């Protein structure tokens, strides 16, 4: 039997393949309605198809593909640095008690997702790290965190198929969150006879947006945002540079994901700017860097998945994910709804919380939009879910995962 042919994909070729894969996913998504209906991310659509083909070629012994992941790591660092740059304590303070309470509740949910995943993994005879990957790594963290921690767990804790397990779990969570989020919230309204804005005919309340949140969609006064992009790129690069130094220093005492140092430095830079008033770090430039780096690094991670390594994990993974779904419903009912007052705002926090706690902030907002179209909007809940789901919980979740992985 001859040795399998190995095809080496360089870093530049990996980026090019990811770019083509992404637009292939765009093409497929437009033609398959169910993918649009459940908001399956484009990188998953294109990447999973490519990963299936490459895994099949390797599984049948035809050829294997080896990716140079150096630029994937760089893009991952850039994305998580942008997360740190929007982690504003000032925004938390301005959000009031409800935002702080919701953030604390979601943090507790992160812990419970991990404890349940780790416990079930151990009971099923798996390494407990698989439980973490099917816990807040993929549920609360979504695709971005799954694509970052999967390779980290594989390299640090020798978890075979860690990336494939995490990304598969994240995709499952996103689909389930969209299926159960709005119907469960509607059931709460009917079961507890919650008064809704449309039912009582009250006007939409004025929403106080924190001053440092950029709500403009288009800035007609500027023909280009190249200066903003260069400014944001410079800040991200500087944070990454100092972050690598911090990561090297911290690495002498504890094993951490590569991006933790950059994210911490970025959060410090953001809050110094907030409280000193000397500079700002938000805007379209930073958003562009975040979106581009996320799309490319997640697509590259999915392209390199070894899906054939998931065969022995299929049943245990489904058991853990089913338990995570039950936990999410119980927590949404008992904490998001009951603890926060059984109000319409609490219902909307349930809809949004289920969405981003099992996938992505966009899913949470989609759930809330579905409820708002029928019963009326809740600007306060919309703002809280956006702030907590989009960036505040990401920093907390990353630190919690890193800590619990050392148990």
Protein backbone atom coordinates (compact mmCIF):
# COMPACT_ATOMS: atom_id res chain seq x y z
CA UNK A 1 0.00 0.00 0.00
CA UNK A 2 1.50 3.33 -1.04
CA UNK A 3 1.69 6.34 1.25
CA UNK A 4 -1.09 8.89 0.91
CA UNK A 5 -0.30 11.96 -1.15
CA UNK A 6 -0.10 15.10 0.97
CA UNK A 7 -1.05 18.45 -0.59
CA UNK A 8 0.48 21.41 1.24
CA UNK A 9 -1.63 24.59 1.21
CA UNK A 10 0.44 27.72 1.91
CA UNK A 11 -0.79 30.56 4.11
CA UNK A 12 -1.60 32.78 1.12
CA UNK A 13 -3.31 29.92 -0.71
CA UNK A 14 -5.34 29.19 2.43
CA UNK A 15 -6.62 32.79 2.50
CA UNK A 16 -7.44 32.63 -1.22
CA UNK A 17 -9.31 29.35 -0.74
CA UNK A 18 -11.22 30.82 2.21
CA UNK A 19 -12.23 33.86 0.13
CA UNK A 20 -13.48 31.69 -2.74
CA UNK A 21 -15.21 29.35 -0.28
CA UNK A 22 -17.01 32.27 1.33
CA UNK A 23 -18.47 33.48 -1.97
CA UNK A 24 -19.33 29.90 -2.91
CA UNK A 25 -21.28 29.82 0.35
CA UNK A 26 -23.02 33.08 -0.64
CA UNK A 27 -24.07 31.49 -3.94
CA UNK A 28 -25.37 28.31 -2.29
CA UNK A 29 -27.17 30.20 0.49
CA UNK A 30 -29.12 32.30 -2.00
CA UNK A 31 -30.38 29.17 -3.74
CA UNK A 32 -31.28 27.06 -0.71
CA UNK A 33 -34.12 28.76 1.15
CA UNK A 34 -33.80 26.76 4.36
CA UNK A 35 -30.26 28.09 4.86
CA UNK A 36 -31.56 31.66 4.66
CA UNK A 37 -34.54 30.85 6.89
CA UNK A 38 -32.36 29.55 9.73
CA UNK A 39 -29.64 32.18 9.20
CA UNK A 40 -26.89 29.61 8.71
CA UNK A 41 -23.68 31.68 8.40
CA UNK A 42 -22.12 31.83 4.96
CA UNK A 43 -18.71 30.53 6.18
CA UNK A 44 -20.48 27.40 7.49
CA UNK A 45 -22.38 26.83 4.23
CA UNK A 46 -19.34 27.04 1.98
CA UNK A 47 -16.77 25.77 4.47
CA UNK A 48 -18.64 22.62 5.48
CA UNK A 49 -19.03 21.60 1.83
CA UNK A 50 -15.32 22.09 1.19
CA UNK A 51 -14.42 20.33 4.46
CA UNK A 52 -16.66 17.39 3.53
CA UNK A 53 -14.91 16.94 0.18
CA UNK A 54 -11.40 17.25 1.66
CA UNK A 55 -12.25 14.95 4.57
CA UNK A 56 -13.71 12.36 2.20
CA UNK A 57 -10.54 12.41 0.09
CA UNK A 58 -8.45 11.84 3.21
CA UNK A 59 -10.86 9.30 4.72
CA UNK A 60 -10.72 7.14 1.59
CA UNK A 61 -6.94 7.35 1.50
CA UNK A 62 -6.76 9.32 -1.75
CA UNK A 63 -4.91 12.41 -0.51
CA UNK A 64 -4.59 14.61 2.56
CA UNK A 65 -4.45 18.40 2.74
CA UNK A 66 -2.15 20.21 5.15
CA UNK A 67 -2.92 23.90 5.75
CA UNK A 68 -0.45 26.56 6.84
CA UNK A 69 -2.47 28.31 9.56
CA UNK A 70 -0.14 31.24 10.26
CA UNK A 71 -2.42 33.83 8.62
CA UNK A 72 -5.46 32.17 10.19
CA UNK A 73 -3.86 32.81 13.58
CA UNK A 74 -3.16 36.43 12.64
CA UNK A 75 -6.78 36.96 11.59
CA UNK A 76 -7.99 35.33 14.80
CA UNK A 77 -5.82 37.70 16.84
CA UNK A 78 -7.20 40.67 14.89
CA UNK A 79 -10.82 39.63 15.48
CA UNK A 80 -10.48 39.09 19.22
CA UNK A 81 -8.54 42.32 19.53
CA UNK A 82 -11.58 44.12 18.08
CA UNK A 83 -13.70 42.38 20.74
CA UNK A 84 -11.46 43.87 23.41
CA UNK A 85 -11.72 47.29 21.80
CA UNK A 86 -15.49 47.39 22.30
CA UNK A 87 -15.46 46.08 25.88
CA UNK A 88 -16.41 49.39 27.44
CA UNK A 89 -16.99 49.67 31.19
CA UNK A 90 -18.60 53.06 30.56
CA UNK A 91 -21.28 51.41 28.43
CA UNK A 92 -21.93 48.88 31.20
CA UNK A 93 -22.38 51.65 33.77
CA UNK A 94 -24.73 53.57 31.48
CA UNK A 95 -26.78 50.43 30.81
CA UNK A 96 -28.13 50.44 34.35
CA UNK A 97 -29.05 47.69 36.76
CA UNK A 98 -30.93 45.60 34.19
CA UNK A 99 -27.88 45.35 31.92
CA UNK A 100 -25.58 44.46 34.83
CA UNK A 101 -28.10 41.91 36.13
CA UNK A 102 -28.47 40.35 32.68
CA UNK A 103 -24.69 40.18 32.24
CA UNK A 104 -24.33 38.43 35.62
CA UNK A 105 -27.10 35.97 34.68
CA UNK A 106 -25.47 35.17 31.33
CA UNK A 107 -22.12 34.67 33.07
CA UNK A 108 -23.74 32.13 35.38
CA UNK A 109 -25.25 30.44 32.32
CA UNK A 110 -21.73 30.16 30.82
CA UNK A 111 -20.60 28.36 33.95
CA UNK A 112 -23.61 26.01 33.92
CA UNK A 113 -23.14 25.19 30.22
CA UNK A 114 -19.57 24.15 30.95
CA UNK A 115 -20.35 22.20 34.11
CA UNK A 116 -23.11 20.26 32.34
CA UNK A 117 -20.96 19.59 29.28
CA UNK A 118 -17.97 18.49 31.35
CA UNK A 119 -20.10 16.27 33.59
CA UNK A 120 -21.85 14.54 30.68
CA UNK A 121 -18.60 14.10 28.77
CA UNK A 122 -17.04 12.40 31.77
CA UNK A 123 -20.16 10.21 32.25
CA UNK A 124 -20.00 9.20 28.56
CA UNK A 125 -16.35 8.23 28.89
CA UNK A 126 -14.93 11.23 26.99
CA UNK A 127 -12.24 13.70 27.93
CA UNK A 128 -13.99 16.53 29.80
CA UNK A 129 -12.58 19.04 27.30
CA UNK A 130 -15.13 17.76 24.75
CA UNK A 131 -17.80 18.91 27.21
CA UNK A 132 -16.26 22.37 27.29
CA UNK A 133 -16.23 22.47 23.49
CA UNK A 134 -19.94 21.54 23.50
CA UNK A 135 -20.48 23.97 26.38
CA UNK A 136 -19.89 27.71 26.39
CA UNK A 137 -17.16 27.43 23.73
CA UNK A 138 -19.77 26.69 21.07
CA UNK A 139 -23.04 27.66 22.79
CA UNK A 140 -22.26 31.06 24.26
CA UNK A 141 -19.20 31.64 22.12
CA UNK A 142 -20.59 30.69 18.72
CA UNK A 143 -18.52 30.08 15.62
CA UNK A 144 -15.78 32.61 16.36
CA UNK A 145 -14.93 31.19 19.77
CA UNK A 146 -15.36 27.61 18.51
CA UNK A 147 -12.92 28.21 15.66
CA UNK A 148 -10.41 29.71 18.11
CA UNK A 149 -10.59 27.23 20.98
CA UNK A 150 -10.94 24.09 18.84
CA UNK A 151 -7.33 24.23 17.53
CA UNK A 152 -6.14 25.45 20.95
CA UNK A 153 -7.62 22.40 22.68
CA UNK A 154 -6.20 20.13 19.98
CA UNK A 155 -2.69 21.49 20.45
CA UNK A 156 -2.69 22.04 24.21
CA UNK A 157 -4.79 19.14 25.49
CA UNK A 158 -4.44 16.75 22.50
CA UNK A 159 -8.19 16.65 21.86
CA UNK A 160 -8.71 14.77 18.57
CA UNK A 161 -11.35 16.42 16.37
CA UNK A 162 -11.76 19.32 18.79
CA UNK A 163 -12.29 21.95 16.10
CA UNK A 164 -14.80 19.83 14.19
CA UNK A 165 -16.72 19.07 17.39
CA UNK A 166 -16.82 22.74 18.44
CA UNK A 167 -17.93 24.09 15.06
CA UNK A 168 -20.53 21.33 14.63
CA UNK A 169 -21.91 22.12 18.09
CA UNK A 170 -21.98 25.85 17.32
CA UNK A 171 -23.89 25.24 14.08
CA UNK A 172 -26.38 23.00 15.91
CA UNK A 173 -26.87 25.68 18.56
CA UNK A 174 -27.55 28.39 16.01
CA UNK A 175 -30.23 26.32 14.28
CA UNK A 176 -31.92 25.24 17.53
CA UNK A 177 -31.87 28.79 18.92
CA UNK A 178 -33.79 30.04 15.89
CA UNK A 179 -36.27 27.15 16.10
CA UNK A 180 -37.11 27.49 19.81
CA UNK A 181 -36.40 31.18 20.62
CA UNK A 182 -39.47 32.96 19.26
CA UNK A 183 -42.02 30.13 19.88
CA UNK A 184 -40.89 29.76 23.51
CA UNK A 185 -41.12 33.53 24.06
CA UNK A 186 -44.60 33.58 22.52
CA UNK A 187 -45.63 30.73 24.84
CA UNK A 188 -44.50 32.81 27.84
CA UNK A 189 -46.64 35.73 26.70
CA UNK A 190 -49.73 33.52 26.43
CA UNK A 191 -49.04 31.38 29.51
CA UNK A 192 -48.47 34.34 31.85
CA UNK A 193 -50.76 36.82 30.03
CA UNK A 194 -47.92 39.31 29.66
CA UNK A 195 -49.01 42.79 28.61
CA UNK A 196 -47.43 43.73 25.30
CA UNK A 197 -46.96 47.17 23.72
CA UNK A 198 -49.48 46.47 20.94
CA UNK A 199 -52.04 45.01 23.36
CA UNK A 200 -52.14 48.13 25.55
CA UNK A 201 -51.51 50.55 22.71
CA UNK A 202 -48.68 52.36 24.43
CA UNK A 203 -46.23 54.41 22.31
CA UNK A 204 -42.72 53.21 21.73
CA UNK A 205 -40.51 54.44 24.61
CA UNK A 206 -37.56 56.63 23.83
CA UNK A 207 -34.33 54.68 23.94
CA UNK A 208 -31.29 56.30 25.54
CA UNK A 209 -28.29 55.23 23.50
CA UNK A 210 -24.90 55.61 25.25
CA UNK A 211 -23.08 58.56 23.73
CA UNK A 212 -20.12 56.49 22.52
CA UNK A 213 -22.27 54.05 20.51
CA UNK A 214 -22.11 54.89 16.81
CA UNK A 215 -25.64 54.47 15.41
CA UNK A 216 -25.10 56.11 12.04
CA UNK A 217 -25.43 53.80 9.04
CA UNK A 218 -24.06 56.19 6.46
CA UNK A 219 -22.00 59.30 7.01
CA UNK A 220 -22.89 61.62 4.15
CA UNK A 221 -20.20 64.13 5.13
CA UNK A 222 -17.34 61.76 4.32
CA UNK A 223 -16.92 60.22 0.83
CA UNK A 224 -14.70 57.44 2.19
CA UNK A 225 -13.88 55.88 5.50
CA UNK A 226 -10.29 54.99 4.56
CA UNK A 227 -8.93 57.24 7.36
CA UNK A 228 -11.16 55.45 9.86
CA UNK A 229 -10.02 52.08 8.54
CA UNK A 230 -6.35 53.07 8.80
CA UNK A 231 -6.86 54.44 12.31
CA UNK A 232 -8.65 51.29 13.43
CA UNK A 233 -6.02 49.10 11.74
CA UNK A 234 -3.26 50.96 13.52
CA UNK A 235 -4.92 50.60 16.92
CA UNK A 236 -5.60 46.89 16.33
CA UNK A 237 -2.01 46.28 15.19
CA UNK A 238 -0.52 48.11 18.20
CA UNK A 239 -2.79 46.21 20.61
CA UNK A 240 -1.80 42.93 18.95
CA UNK A 241 1.90 43.83 19.21
CA UNK A 242 1.75 44.63 22.93
CA UNK A 243 -0.70 41.77 23.43
CA UNK A 244 1.80 39.21 22.17
CA UNK A 245 4.31 40.51 24.74
CA UNK A 246 1.69 40.19 27.49
CA UNK A 247 0.77 36.68 26.30
CA UNK A 248 4.43 35.62 26.39
CA UNK A 249 4.77 36.95 29.93
CA UNK A 250 1.55 35.33 31.14
CA UNK A 251 2.51 32.11 29.36
CA UNK A 252 5.31 31.62 31.88
CA UNK A 253 2.67 31.00 34.56
CA UNK A 254 -0.43 29.68 32.76
CA UNK A 255 -1.32 28.26 29.33
CA UNK A 256 -3.62 30.67 27.53
CA UNK A 257 -5.06 31.03 24.01
CA UNK A 258 -2.86 33.23 21.84
CA UNK A 259 -5.41 36.05 21.65
CA UNK A 260 -5.98 36.62 25.38
CA UNK A 261 -3.08 39.08 25.74
CA UNK A 262 -4.20 41.15 22.75
CA UNK A 263 -7.80 41.20 23.96
CA UNK A 264 -6.78 42.38 27.43
CA UNK A 265 -4.52 45.12 26.04
CA UNK A 266 -7.32 46.20 23.67
CA UNK A 267 -9.83 46.42 26.55
CA UNK A 268 -7.38 48.57 28.53
CA UNK A 269 -6.83 50.85 25.52
CA UNK A 270 -10.58 51.20 24.99
CA UNK A 271 -11.36 52.11 28.58
CA UNK A 272 -8.47 54.57 28.89
CA UNK A 273 -9.94 56.35 25.88
CA UNK A 274 -13.45 56.22 27.32
CA UNK A 275 -12.59 57.69 30.71
CA UNK A 276 -9.94 60.16 29.56
CA UNK A 277 -11.90 61.41 26.55
CA UNK A 278 -8.64 61.80 24.60
CA UNK A 279 -9.49 59.41 21.79
CA UNK A 280 -12.15 57.00 20.49
CA UNK A 281 -11.73 53.57 18.94
CA UNK A 282 -15.19 52.82 17.50
CA UNK A 283 -16.61 53.38 14.05
CA UNK A 284 -17.03 51.81 10.63
CA UNK A 285 -13.30 51.13 10.31
CA UNK A 286 -13.18 48.93 13.39
CA UNK A 287 -16.41 47.17 12.37
CA UNK A 288 -14.93 46.41 8.95
CA UNK A 289 -11.78 44.89 10.42
CA UNK A 290 -13.86 42.80 12.83
CA UNK A 291 -16.17 41.49 10.11
CA UNK A 292 -13.42 40.72 7.58
CA UNK A 293 -11.12 39.02 10.06
CA UNK A 294 -13.99 36.94 11.49
CA UNK A 295 -15.27 35.80 8.10
CA UNK A 296 -11.82 34.81 6.83
CA UNK A 297 -10.53 33.12 9.97
CA UNK A 298 -13.73 31.13 10.57
CA UNK A 299 -13.90 30.06 6.92
CA UNK A 300 -10.24 28.98 7.03
CA UNK A 301 -10.87 27.01 10.23
CA UNK A 302 -13.89 25.22 8.72
CA UNK A 303 -12.06 24.44 5.48
CA UNK A 304 -9.42 22.58 7.48
CA UNK A 305 -11.86 20.47 9.53
CA UNK A 306 -11.25 16.71 9.72
CA UNK A 307 -14.90 15.68 9.67
CA UNK A 308 -14.06 11.96 9.63
CA UNK A 309 -12.70 12.41 13.16
CA UNK A 310 -16.26 13.14 14.36
CA UNK A 311 -17.58 9.63 13.75
CA UNK A 312 -16.87 8.33 17.27
CA UNK A 313 -18.23 11.55 18.80
CA UNK A 314 -21.58 11.70 17.01
CA UNK A 315 -23.82 10.08 19.66
CA UNK A 316 -22.11 11.58 22.76
CA UNK A 317 -22.11 15.01 21.14
CA UNK A 318 -25.84 14.83 20.38
CA UNK A 319 -26.58 13.80 23.99
CA UNK A 320 -24.62 16.77 25.34
CA UNK A 321 -26.24 19.19 22.89
CA UNK A 322 -29.74 17.93 23.72
CA UNK A 323 -28.99 18.54 27.40
CA UNK A 324 -27.71 22.04 26.58
CA UNK A 325 -31.00 22.80 24.85
CA UNK A 326 -32.99 21.72 27.93
CA UNK A 327 -30.69 23.79 30.16
CA UNK A 328 -31.19 26.84 27.94
CA UNK A 329 -34.98 26.62 28.10
CA UNK A 330 -34.99 26.07 31.86
CA UNK A 331 -32.60 28.98 32.45
CA UNK A 332 -34.53 31.30 30.13
CA UNK A 333 -37.76 30.45 31.92
CA UNK A 334 -36.48 30.52 35.49
CA UNK A 335 -33.97 33.38 35.28
CA UNK A 336 -34.42 35.58 32.20
CA UNK A 337 -38.23 35.61 32.59
CA UNK A 338 -39.09 34.89 36.23
CA UNK A 339 -36.19 36.70 37.89
CA UNK A 340 -36.45 39.77 35.69
CA UNK A 341 -40.09 40.38 36.54
CA UNK A 342 -42.32 38.46 34.08
CA UNK A 343 -42.60 41.62 31.97
CA UNK A 344 -42.52 42.09 28.21
CA UNK A 345 -38.91 43.24 28.52
CA UNK A 346 -38.18 39.93 30.26
CA UNK A 347 -39.86 38.03 27.42
CA UNK A 348 -37.66 39.84 24.90
CA UNK A 349 -34.56 39.09 26.99
CA UNK A 350 -35.58 35.42 26.77
CA UNK A 351 -35.86 35.58 22.99
CA UNK A 352 -32.55 37.39 22.61
CA UNK A 353 -30.79 35.43 25.33
CA UNK A 354 -31.67 32.08 23.78
CA UNK A 355 -30.39 33.34 20.44
CA UNK A 356 -26.93 34.48 21.47
CA UNK A 357 -26.47 31.92 24.28
CA UNK A 358 -26.73 29.14 21.72
CA UNK A 359 -25.05 30.69 18.73
CA UNK A 360 -24.80 34.35 17.81
CA UNK A 361 -26.06 37.82 18.68
CA UNK A 362 -27.61 38.06 15.22
CA UNK A 363 -29.79 35.05 16.04
CA UNK A 364 -30.91 36.69 19.27
CA UNK A 365 -31.88 39.87 17.44
CA UNK A 366 -33.69 37.80 14.79
CA UNK A 367 -35.73 36.10 17.52
CA UNK A 368 -36.54 39.47 19.08
CA UNK A 369 -37.54 40.90 15.72
CA UNK A 370 -39.96 38.02 15.14
CA UNK A 371 -41.65 38.71 18.49
CA UNK A 372 -41.60 42.51 17.98
CA UNK A 373 -43.41 42.25 14.64
CA UNK A 374 -46.36 40.56 16.37
CA UNK A 375 -46.41 42.12 19.84
CA UNK A 376 -44.38 45.34 19.66
CA UNK A 377 -40.76 46.24 20.31
CA UNK A 378 -38.72 46.53 23.49
CA UNK A 379 -35.89 49.04 22.87
CA UNK A 380 -34.39 48.48 26.31
CA UNK A 381 -34.12 44.70 25.82
CA UNK A 382 -32.82 45.20 22.28
CA UNK A 383 -29.98 47.42 23.52
CA UNK A 384 -29.09 45.10 26.42
CA UNK A 385 -28.97 41.98 24.24
CA UNK A 386 -26.88 43.83 21.64
CA UNK A 387 -24.33 45.05 24.20
CA UNK A 388 -24.06 41.86 26.25
CA UNK A 389 -24.24 39.41 23.35
CA UNK A 390 -22.05 41.32 20.93
CA UNK A 391 -18.99 41.82 23.09
CA UNK A 392 -19.30 41.94 26.90
CA UNK A 393 -19.88 38.22 27.39
CA UNK A 394 -17.19 37.25 24.86
CA UNK A 395 -14.39 38.53 27.07
CA UNK A 396 -15.82 36.87 30.20
CA UNK A 397 -16.48 33.62 28.34
CA UNK A 398 -12.94 33.41 26.95
CA UNK A 399 -11.40 33.85 30.39
CA UNK A 400 -13.82 31.32 31.94
CA UNK A 401 -13.10 28.69 29.27
CA UNK A 402 -9.36 29.14 29.70
CA UNK A 403 -9.67 28.74 33.48
CA UNK A 404 -11.99 25.71 33.38
CA UNK A 405 -9.86 23.94 30.76
CA UNK A 406 -7.09 23.64 33.36
CA UNK A 407 -9.24 21.75 35.87
